[in-house]
C-alpha cells in the first residue's frame, strides 16, 4: 500500500525486549524483517546498548537479540575457531545472572553485561579485520603461484 513507508523496527525490538517477550516472538519479528523488509535495517547497537543496561533478569531475551544482531557477521567469518569463540562469548554475556544471584545486585549484572557486550563487539571487529587480511593474503598467494 505504502511502499516507501519505514517501519519502526528499533521500536519493535525494544518493546519486545522490555516486555521480555518469548524468544520465538523475537525470532519471528527478526525473520519477518529480514525476509520481507531487507532494505529496512534494525540499528542493533543502539537497541542492545539500551537493553543491556535496562533489561533486568531475562537473559534468554537478551541472548536471542544478541545472536540475531551478530549472526550475519559471525557467519561471514570463515575461521571456525573464531566463530566458536564469538558464540562462546555471547553465551558468557547471557549467563551473568547465574554468577550474581542476589536480587539487589541488579546494577552489577547490567554493568557486567554492558562491559562484556563492548568486549564482544571489539573481538568481533578484530576477527573481521583479521579474516579480511587472510583473504587478501590468500589472493596474493594465488596470484604469485
N, C-alpha and C. Protein backbone atom coordinates (compact mmCIF):
# COMPACT_ATOMS: atom_id res chain seq x y z
N UNK A 1 0.83 -1.18 0.00
CA UNK A 1 0.00 0.00 0.00
C UNK A 1 0.88 1.25 0.00
N UNK A 2 1.81 1.31 0.96
CA UNK A 2 2.74 2.42 1.05
C UNK A 2 4.16 1.88 0.95
N UNK A 3 4.66 1.71 -0.27
CA UNK A 3 5.96 1.04 -0.45
C UNK A 3 7.15 1.76 0.17
N UNK A 4 7.03 3.06 0.37
CA UNK A 4 8.16 3.81 0.93
C UNK A 4 8.06 3.98 2.44
N UNK A 5 7.03 3.41 3.04
CA UNK A 5 6.85 3.55 4.49
C UNK A 5 7.90 2.73 5.24
N UNK A 6 8.56 3.37 6.19
CA UNK A 6 9.56 2.69 7.02
C UNK A 6 8.91 2.26 8.33
N UNK A 7 9.03 1.00 8.66
CA UNK A 7 8.52 0.51 9.92
C UNK A 7 9.53 0.80 11.03
N UNK A 8 9.06 0.96 12.23
CA UNK A 8 9.94 1.25 13.38
C UNK A 8 10.45 -0.06 13.97
N UNK A 9 11.41 -0.66 13.29
CA UNK A 9 11.97 -1.94 13.73
C UNK A 9 12.67 -1.80 15.08
N UNK A 10 13.37 -0.69 15.27
CA UNK A 10 14.06 -0.49 16.56
C UNK A 10 13.05 -0.43 17.70
N UNK A 11 11.97 0.29 17.48
CA UNK A 11 10.92 0.38 18.50
C UNK A 11 10.31 -0.97 18.81
N UNK A 12 10.10 -1.77 17.76
CA UNK A 12 9.52 -3.10 17.97
C UNK A 12 10.48 -3.99 18.75
N UNK A 13 11.76 -3.94 18.42
CA UNK A 13 12.76 -4.74 19.14
C UNK A 13 12.82 -4.31 20.60
N UNK A 14 12.86 -3.01 20.83
CA UNK A 14 12.92 -2.52 22.21
C UNK A 14 11.66 -2.89 22.99
N UNK A 15 10.51 -2.83 22.34
CA UNK A 15 9.26 -3.20 23.01
C UNK A 15 9.28 -4.67 23.41
N UNK A 16 9.68 -5.53 22.49
CA UNK A 16 9.75 -6.96 22.81
C UNK A 16 10.80 -7.24 23.88
N UNK A 17 11.93 -6.54 23.79
CA UNK A 17 12.98 -6.73 24.79
C UNK A 17 12.55 -6.28 26.16
N UNK A 18 11.96 -5.11 26.25
CA UNK A 18 11.49 -4.59 27.55
C UNK A 18 10.38 -5.45 28.14
N UNK A 19 9.56 -6.02 27.27
CA UNK A 19 8.47 -6.88 27.74
C UNK A 19 8.96 -8.29 28.04
N UNK A 20 10.23 -8.52 27.79
CA UNK A 20 10.82 -9.85 27.97
C UNK A 20 9.97 -10.90 27.26
N UNK A 21 9.71 -10.61 25.99
CA UNK A 21 8.86 -11.45 25.16
C UNK A 21 9.51 -12.82 24.96
N UNK A 22 8.70 -13.82 24.65
CA UNK A 22 9.26 -15.15 24.37
C UNK A 22 10.23 -15.09 23.19
N UNK A 23 11.24 -15.92 23.26
CA UNK A 23 12.29 -15.93 22.24
C UNK A 23 11.73 -16.16 20.84
N UNK A 24 10.70 -17.00 20.73
CA UNK A 24 10.10 -17.29 19.43
C UNK A 24 9.50 -16.05 18.79
N UNK A 25 8.87 -15.21 19.59
CA UNK A 25 8.27 -13.98 19.06
C UNK A 25 9.34 -13.04 18.52
N UNK A 26 10.44 -12.94 19.24
CA UNK A 26 11.55 -12.09 18.79
C UNK A 26 12.12 -12.63 17.49
N UNK A 27 12.32 -13.93 17.43
CA UNK A 27 12.88 -14.55 16.23
C UNK A 27 11.96 -14.35 15.04
N UNK A 28 10.65 -14.46 15.24
CA UNK A 28 9.68 -14.24 14.14
C UNK A 28 9.76 -12.82 13.62
N UNK A 29 9.89 -11.86 14.53
CA UNK A 29 9.98 -10.46 14.11
C UNK A 29 11.25 -10.24 13.28
N UNK A 30 12.38 -10.77 13.75
CA UNK A 30 13.64 -10.61 13.02
C UNK A 30 13.57 -11.31 11.66
N UNK A 31 12.99 -12.51 11.63
CA UNK A 31 12.84 -13.24 10.36
C UNK A 31 11.96 -12.46 9.38
N UNK A 32 10.88 -11.86 9.90
CA UNK A 32 9.99 -11.07 9.04
C UNK A 32 10.72 -9.87 8.47
N UNK A 33 11.49 -9.20 9.31
CA UNK A 33 12.26 -8.03 8.83
C UNK A 33 13.24 -8.44 7.75
N UNK A 34 13.96 -9.53 7.97
CA UNK A 34 14.99 -9.96 7.02
C UNK A 34 14.40 -10.44 5.70
N UNK A 35 13.27 -11.14 5.76
CA UNK A 35 12.72 -11.69 4.52
C UNK A 35 11.79 -10.72 3.80
N UNK A 36 11.01 -9.92 4.52
CA UNK A 36 10.02 -9.06 3.88
C UNK A 36 10.48 -7.61 3.69
N UNK A 37 11.39 -7.16 4.55
CA UNK A 37 11.85 -5.77 4.50
C UNK A 37 13.37 -5.70 4.61
N UNK A 38 14.08 -6.36 3.72
CA UNK A 38 15.54 -6.43 3.86
C UNK A 38 16.26 -5.08 3.74
N UNK A 39 15.63 -4.12 3.11
CA UNK A 39 16.27 -2.79 2.97
C UNK A 39 16.11 -1.94 4.23
N UNK A 40 15.14 -2.28 5.03
CA UNK A 40 14.93 -1.55 6.28
C UNK A 40 15.79 -2.23 7.35
N UNK A 41 16.56 -1.46 8.05
CA UNK A 41 17.53 -2.01 8.99
C UNK A 41 17.12 -1.81 10.44
N UNK A 42 17.59 -2.73 11.25
CA UNK A 42 17.49 -2.59 12.70
C UNK A 42 18.84 -2.06 13.16
N UNK A 43 18.83 -1.02 13.94
CA UNK A 43 20.09 -0.48 14.48
C UNK A 43 20.36 -1.24 15.78
N UNK A 44 21.01 -2.39 15.61
CA UNK A 44 21.21 -3.32 16.72
C UNK A 44 22.03 -2.72 17.85
N UNK A 45 23.05 -1.96 17.49
CA UNK A 45 23.95 -1.45 18.53
C UNK A 45 23.19 -0.61 19.56
N UNK A 46 22.36 0.29 19.08
CA UNK A 46 21.59 1.13 19.99
C UNK A 46 20.59 0.34 20.81
N UNK A 47 19.91 -0.61 20.16
CA UNK A 47 18.93 -1.44 20.88
C UNK A 47 19.61 -2.26 21.97
N UNK A 48 20.72 -2.90 21.62
CA UNK A 48 21.40 -3.75 22.60
C UNK A 48 22.02 -2.94 23.73
N UNK A 49 22.57 -1.76 23.40
CA UNK A 49 23.13 -0.92 24.46
C UNK A 49 22.04 -0.56 25.48
N UNK A 50 20.88 -0.18 24.97
CA UNK A 50 19.79 0.19 25.86
C UNK A 50 19.35 -1.01 26.71
N UNK A 51 19.13 -2.15 26.04
CA UNK A 51 18.63 -3.31 26.76
C UNK A 51 19.66 -3.89 27.73
N UNK A 52 20.94 -3.79 27.37
CA UNK A 52 21.99 -4.29 28.27
C UNK A 52 21.98 -3.56 29.60
N UNK A 53 21.66 -2.28 29.54
CA UNK A 53 21.68 -1.50 30.78
C UNK A 53 20.32 -1.38 31.45
N UNK A 54 19.25 -1.86 30.79
CA UNK A 54 17.92 -1.72 31.36
C UNK A 54 17.19 -3.04 31.59
N UNK A 55 17.50 -4.04 30.80
CA UNK A 55 16.82 -5.33 30.94
C UNK A 55 17.22 -5.95 32.26
N UNK A 56 16.24 -6.38 33.03
CA UNK A 56 16.56 -6.79 34.39
C UNK A 56 17.03 -8.23 34.51
N UNK A 57 16.20 -9.21 34.27
CA UNK A 57 16.62 -10.57 34.59
C UNK A 57 16.59 -11.53 33.41
N UNK A 58 15.87 -11.28 32.40
CA UNK A 58 15.62 -12.27 31.35
C UNK A 58 16.80 -12.36 30.39
N UNK A 59 17.74 -13.22 30.73
CA UNK A 59 18.92 -13.39 29.89
C UNK A 59 18.59 -14.04 28.55
N UNK A 60 17.57 -14.89 28.52
CA UNK A 60 17.20 -15.55 27.27
C UNK A 60 16.82 -14.52 26.21
N UNK A 61 16.06 -13.51 26.62
CA UNK A 61 15.64 -12.45 25.70
C UNK A 61 16.86 -11.73 25.15
N UNK A 62 17.76 -11.35 26.03
CA UNK A 62 18.95 -10.63 25.59
C UNK A 62 19.81 -11.52 24.69
N UNK A 63 19.92 -12.80 25.01
CA UNK A 63 20.74 -13.71 24.21
C UNK A 63 20.19 -13.84 22.80
N UNK A 64 18.88 -13.98 22.65
CA UNK A 64 18.27 -14.08 21.32
C UNK A 64 18.55 -12.81 20.52
N UNK A 65 18.35 -11.66 21.15
CA UNK A 65 18.59 -10.39 20.46
C UNK A 65 20.05 -10.25 20.07
N UNK A 66 20.95 -10.63 20.97
CA UNK A 66 22.38 -10.55 20.69
C UNK A 66 22.76 -11.45 19.53
N UNK A 67 22.28 -12.68 19.54
CA UNK A 67 22.60 -13.62 18.45
C UNK A 67 22.04 -13.13 17.12
N UNK A 68 20.83 -12.60 17.14
CA UNK A 68 20.23 -12.07 15.90
C UNK A 68 21.06 -10.91 15.36
N UNK A 69 21.58 -10.10 16.26
CA UNK A 69 22.30 -8.90 15.83
C UNK A 69 23.64 -9.20 15.18
N UNK A 70 24.26 -10.31 15.56
CA UNK A 70 25.61 -10.59 15.04
C UNK A 70 25.67 -11.81 14.13
N UNK A 71 24.55 -12.48 13.94
CA UNK A 71 24.53 -13.74 13.19
C UNK A 71 25.17 -13.61 11.80
N UNK A 72 24.77 -12.61 11.06
CA UNK A 72 25.30 -12.43 9.70
C UNK A 72 26.80 -12.17 9.72
N UNK A 73 27.24 -11.34 10.65
CA UNK A 73 28.67 -11.01 10.76
C UNK A 73 29.49 -12.23 11.16
N UNK A 74 28.97 -13.01 12.11
CA UNK A 74 29.69 -14.20 12.57
C UNK A 74 29.79 -15.22 11.44
N UNK A 75 28.70 -15.42 10.72
CA UNK A 75 28.72 -16.39 9.62
C UNK A 75 29.65 -15.99 8.49
N UNK A 76 29.95 -14.70 8.37
CA UNK A 76 30.85 -14.23 7.32
C UNK A 76 32.31 -14.51 7.66
N UNK A 77 32.60 -14.84 8.90
CA UNK A 77 33.98 -15.15 9.30
C UNK A 77 34.25 -16.61 8.95
N UNK A 78 35.23 -16.83 8.10
CA UNK A 78 35.49 -18.17 7.58
C UNK A 78 36.33 -19.07 8.47
N UNK A 79 36.75 -18.59 9.62
CA UNK A 79 37.57 -19.40 10.51
C UNK A 79 36.67 -19.93 11.63
N UNK A 80 36.47 -21.24 11.63
CA UNK A 80 35.54 -21.88 12.57
C UNK A 80 35.89 -21.59 14.02
N UNK A 81 37.15 -21.62 14.36
CA UNK A 81 37.60 -21.37 15.73
C UNK A 81 37.18 -19.98 16.19
N UNK A 82 37.29 -19.00 15.31
CA UNK A 82 36.91 -17.63 15.65
C UNK A 82 35.39 -17.52 15.83
N UNK A 83 34.63 -18.18 14.95
CA UNK A 83 33.17 -18.17 15.08
C UNK A 83 32.75 -18.78 16.41
N UNK A 84 33.38 -19.90 16.76
CA UNK A 84 33.06 -20.56 18.03
C UNK A 84 33.41 -19.68 19.22
N UNK A 85 34.50 -18.92 19.12
CA UNK A 85 34.90 -18.02 20.19
C UNK A 85 33.83 -16.94 20.41
N UNK A 86 33.33 -16.38 19.32
CA UNK A 86 32.30 -15.35 19.42
C UNK A 86 31.02 -15.93 20.02
N UNK A 87 30.64 -17.11 19.58
CA UNK A 87 29.43 -17.75 20.11
C UNK A 87 29.58 -18.02 21.60
N UNK A 88 30.75 -18.48 22.02
CA UNK A 88 31.01 -18.71 23.44
C UNK A 88 30.92 -17.41 24.24
N UNK A 89 31.44 -16.34 23.67
CA UNK A 89 31.36 -15.04 24.37
C UNK A 89 29.93 -14.56 24.51
N UNK A 90 29.08 -14.81 23.50
CA UNK A 90 27.68 -14.41 23.62
C UNK A 90 27.00 -15.18 24.75
N UNK A 91 27.34 -16.44 24.87
CA UNK A 91 26.75 -17.24 25.94
C UNK A 91 27.24 -16.77 27.31
N UNK A 92 28.49 -16.32 27.39
CA UNK A 92 29.01 -15.81 28.67
C UNK A 92 28.31 -14.52 29.07
N UNK A 93 28.03 -13.67 28.11
CA UNK A 93 27.32 -12.42 28.41
C UNK A 93 25.96 -12.74 29.01
N UNK A 94 25.35 -13.76 28.47
CA UNK A 94 23.99 -14.07 28.86
C UNK A 94 23.90 -15.00 30.07
N UNK A 95 25.01 -15.38 30.65
CA UNK A 95 24.97 -16.23 31.84
C UNK A 95 25.45 -15.47 33.07
N UNK A 96 25.47 -14.16 32.98
CA UNK A 96 25.95 -13.34 34.10
C UNK A 96 25.04 -13.49 35.31
N UNK A 97 23.73 -13.63 35.09
CA UNK A 97 22.81 -13.74 36.23
C UNK A 97 23.11 -14.93 37.11
N UNK A 98 23.63 -16.00 36.53
CA UNK A 98 23.93 -17.16 37.35
C UNK A 98 25.15 -16.91 38.22
N UNK A 99 25.99 -15.97 37.83
CA UNK A 99 27.17 -15.64 38.62
C UNK A 99 26.83 -14.73 39.78
N UNK A 100 25.82 -13.88 39.60
CA UNK A 100 25.41 -12.94 40.64
C UNK A 100 23.97 -13.26 40.98
N UNK A 101 23.74 -13.93 42.08
CA UNK A 101 22.40 -14.41 42.40
C UNK A 101 21.56 -13.45 43.21
N UNK A 102 22.13 -12.46 43.81
CA UNK A 102 21.41 -11.55 44.70
C UNK A 102 20.55 -10.58 43.90
N UNK A 103 19.27 -10.53 44.21
CA UNK A 103 18.34 -9.62 43.52
C UNK A 103 18.76 -8.16 43.66
N UNK A 104 19.41 -7.82 44.76
CA UNK A 104 19.82 -6.43 45.00
C UNK A 104 21.02 -6.02 44.15
N UNK A 105 21.63 -6.96 43.49
CA UNK A 105 22.85 -6.67 42.70
C UNK A 105 22.53 -6.49 41.22
N UNK A 106 21.32 -6.03 40.92
CA UNK A 106 20.91 -5.87 39.51
C UNK A 106 21.83 -4.94 38.75
N UNK A 107 22.30 -3.88 39.37
CA UNK A 107 23.18 -2.93 38.69
C UNK A 107 24.51 -3.58 38.33
N UNK A 108 24.96 -4.56 39.12
CA UNK A 108 26.20 -5.28 38.80
C UNK A 108 25.99 -6.11 37.54
N UNK A 109 24.84 -6.77 37.46
CA UNK A 109 24.52 -7.58 36.29
C UNK A 109 24.49 -6.71 35.03
N UNK A 110 23.82 -5.57 35.13
CA UNK A 110 23.70 -4.67 33.97
C UNK A 110 25.06 -4.11 33.58
N UNK A 111 25.88 -3.73 34.54
CA UNK A 111 27.22 -3.19 34.23
C UNK A 111 28.09 -4.26 33.60
N UNK A 112 28.04 -5.48 34.12
CA UNK A 112 28.84 -6.58 33.54
C UNK A 112 28.38 -6.89 32.13
N UNK A 113 27.07 -6.90 31.93
CA UNK A 113 26.53 -7.19 30.60
C UNK A 113 26.99 -6.13 29.60
N UNK A 114 26.95 -4.87 30.00
CA UNK A 114 27.36 -3.77 29.13
C UNK A 114 28.86 -3.87 28.81
N UNK A 115 29.67 -4.16 29.81
CA UNK A 115 31.12 -4.28 29.62
C UNK A 115 31.45 -5.46 28.70
N UNK A 116 30.81 -6.59 28.94
CA UNK A 116 31.08 -7.78 28.12
C UNK A 116 30.58 -7.59 26.69
N UNK A 117 29.50 -6.85 26.52
CA UNK A 117 29.00 -6.55 25.18
C UNK A 117 30.01 -5.72 24.41
N UNK A 118 30.63 -4.74 25.05
CA UNK A 118 31.66 -3.92 24.40
C UNK A 118 32.86 -4.78 24.02
N UNK A 119 33.26 -5.70 24.89
CA UNK A 119 34.39 -6.59 24.58
C UNK A 119 34.05 -7.51 23.41
N UNK A 120 32.82 -8.01 23.38
CA UNK A 120 32.39 -8.88 22.28
C UNK A 120 32.45 -8.13 20.96
N UNK A 121 31.95 -6.92 20.94
CA UNK A 121 31.97 -6.12 19.71
C UNK A 121 33.40 -5.88 19.24
N UNK A 122 34.28 -5.61 20.18
CA UNK A 122 35.68 -5.37 19.84
C UNK A 122 36.31 -6.63 19.25
N UNK A 123 36.07 -7.76 19.87
CA UNK A 123 36.63 -9.03 19.40
C UNK A 123 36.07 -9.40 18.03
N UNK A 124 34.79 -9.17 17.83
CA UNK A 124 34.17 -9.47 16.54
C UNK A 124 34.78 -8.59 15.44
N UNK A 125 34.97 -7.32 15.72
CA UNK A 125 35.59 -6.42 14.74
C UNK A 125 37.02 -6.86 14.45
N UNK A 126 37.74 -7.29 15.48
CA UNK A 126 39.11 -7.77 15.29
C UNK A 126 39.13 -9.00 14.37
N UNK A 127 38.26 -9.96 14.64
CA UNK A 127 38.20 -11.17 13.81
C UNK A 127 37.82 -10.84 12.37
N UNK A 128 36.90 -9.90 12.19
CA UNK A 128 36.51 -9.50 10.83
C UNK A 128 37.69 -8.90 10.09
N UNK A 129 38.43 -8.04 10.76
CA UNK A 129 39.60 -7.41 10.15
C UNK A 129 40.66 -8.45 9.81
N UNK A 130 40.93 -9.35 10.74
CA UNK A 130 41.93 -10.39 10.51
C UNK A 130 41.50 -11.33 9.39
N UNK A 131 40.23 -11.65 9.31
CA UNK A 131 39.75 -12.53 8.24
C UNK A 131 39.89 -11.85 6.88
N UNK A 132 39.64 -10.56 6.85
CA UNK A 132 39.83 -9.79 5.62
C UNK A 132 41.29 -9.83 5.19
N UNK A 133 42.19 -9.68 6.16
CA UNK A 133 43.63 -9.75 5.87
C UNK A 133 44.02 -11.13 5.36
N UNK A 134 43.44 -12.17 5.96
CA UNK A 134 43.72 -13.54 5.49
C UNK A 134 43.27 -13.72 4.05
N UNK A 135 42.10 -13.20 3.72
CA UNK A 135 41.60 -13.31 2.35
C UNK A 135 42.50 -12.58 1.36
N UNK A 136 42.97 -11.39 1.76
CA UNK A 136 43.89 -10.64 0.90
C UNK A 136 45.20 -11.39 0.71
N UNK A 137 45.71 -11.98 1.78
CA UNK A 137 46.95 -12.75 1.69
C UNK A 137 46.78 -13.97 0.79
N UNK A 138 45.63 -14.62 0.90
CA UNK A 138 45.36 -15.79 0.04
C UNK A 138 45.30 -15.37 -1.44
N UNK A 139 44.70 -14.25 -1.70
CA UNK A 139 44.62 -13.74 -3.07
C UNK A 139 46.01 -13.44 -3.61
N UNK A 140 46.86 -12.85 -2.78
CA UNK A 140 48.24 -12.55 -3.19
C UNK A 140 49.01 -13.84 -3.47
N UNK A 141 48.82 -14.85 -2.63
CA UNK A 141 49.47 -16.13 -2.84
C UNK A 141 49.01 -16.80 -4.14
N UNK A 142 47.71 -16.74 -4.40
CA UNK A 142 47.19 -17.30 -5.63
C UNK A 142 47.75 -16.60 -6.85
N UNK A 143 47.88 -15.29 -6.77
CA UNK A 143 48.45 -14.54 -7.89
C UNK A 143 49.93 -14.86 -8.07
N UNK A 144 50.62 -15.06 -6.97
CA UNK A 144 52.04 -15.38 -7.03
C UNK A 144 52.28 -16.75 -7.63
N UNK A 145 51.36 -17.65 -7.39
CA UNK A 145 51.52 -19.03 -7.90
C UNK A 145 51.09 -19.05 -9.34
